[in-house]
Amino acid sequence: MARTTMSDARKKDTREKIELGGLIVKAGLRFEKRALLLGALIDLQQRLAHDGAERDRLIAIGSGAFGDDDE
């Protein structure tokens, strides 16, 4: 039973990582350096912690981009 739970958790973790990688591709950042991407994400996390309006603005941009999906 514990083995199944561990396997399910690993599968869920793997799926989340694949989906997050897909966001990088969708944003057009596939060929950027990993250090740049990590730096941008860390900076974003810090800005979002202090600015709710920025969070709302970026959600609107992202929602619009997902609206363009052909899926």
Protein backbone atom coordinates (compact mmCIF):
# COMPACT_ATOMS: atom_id res chain seq x y z
CA MET A 1 0.00 0.00 0.00
CA ALA A 2 2.76 2.46 0.91
CA ARG A 3 4.50 1.61 -2.37
CA THR A 4 1.38 2.56 -4.36
CA THR A 5 1.01 5.84 -2.50
CA MET A 6 4.68 6.68 -3.12
CA SER A 7 4.34 5.79 -6.79
CA ASP A 8 1.23 7.95 -7.15
CA ALA A 9 2.99 10.88 -5.47
CA ARG A 10 5.97 10.53 -7.80
CA LYS A 11 3.68 10.43 -10.86
CA LYS A 12 1.85 13.55 -9.67
CA ASP A 13 5.16 15.35 -9.06
CA THR A 14 6.43 14.37 -12.51
CA ARG A 15 3.23 15.57 -14.19
CA GLU A 16 3.41 18.93 -12.39
CA LYS A 17 7.01 19.41 -13.53
CA ILE A 18 6.12 18.57 -17.12
CA GLU A 19 3.23 21.05 -17.03
CA LEU A 20 5.48 23.77 -15.60
CA GLY A 21 8.00 23.14 -18.38
CA GLY A 22 5.17 23.53 -20.86
CA LEU A 23 4.49 27.00 -19.46
CA ILE A 24 8.08 27.99 -20.21
CA VAL A 25 7.64 26.81 -23.80
CA LYS A 26 4.25 28.54 -24.18
CA ALA A 27 5.78 31.80 -22.94
CA GLY A 28 8.40 31.60 -25.71
CA LEU A 29 11.28 31.11 -23.28
CA ARG A 30 12.39 27.62 -24.30
CA PHE A 31 15.88 28.69 -25.35
CA GLU A 32 16.67 31.06 -22.49
CA LYS A 33 19.33 30.13 -19.97
CA ARG A 34 18.12 28.32 -16.87
CA ALA A 35 19.78 30.91 -14.64
CA LEU A 36 17.80 33.69 -16.33
CA LEU A 37 14.53 31.80 -15.91
CA LEU A 38 15.20 31.04 -12.27
CA GLY A 39 16.23 34.63 -11.59
CA ALA A 40 13.08 35.93 -13.26
CA LEU A 41 10.90 33.56 -11.25
CA ILE A 42 12.57 34.49 -7.97
CA ASP A 43 12.17 38.18 -8.77
CA LEU A 44 8.52 37.58 -9.67
CA GLN A 45 7.88 35.75 -6.40
CA GLN A 46 9.33 38.65 -4.44
CA ARG A 47 7.31 41.25 -6.37
CA LEU A 48 4.07 39.30 -6.01
CA ALA A 49 4.56 39.08 -2.26
CA HIS A 50 4.32 42.88 -2.10
CA ASP A 51 2.01 43.88 -4.95
CA GLY A 52 -1.48 42.41 -5.32
CA ALA A 53 -2.21 44.59 -8.34
CA GLU A 54 0.76 43.09 -10.18
CA ARG A 55 -0.59 39.62 -9.42
CA ASP A 56 -3.98 40.56 -10.91
CA ARG A 57 -2.35 42.12 -13.98
CA LEU A 58 -0.28 39.01 -14.67
CA ILE A 59 -3.24 36.69 -14.13
CA ALA A 60 -5.14 38.64 -16.79
CA ILE A 61 -2.23 38.29 -19.23
CA GLY A 62 -1.91 34.56 -18.54
CA SER A 63 -5.64 33.95 -18.80
CA GLY A 64 -5.61 35.63 -22.18
CA ALA A 65 -2.74 33.45 -23.36
CA PHE A 66 -4.55 30.28 -22.27
CA GLY A 67 -7.62 31.55 -24.12
CA ASP A 68 -5.60 31.34 -27.33
CA ASP A 69 -5.11 27.57 -26.89
CA ASP A 70 -6.48 25.42 -29.67
CA GLU A 71 -7.00 22.51 -27.26
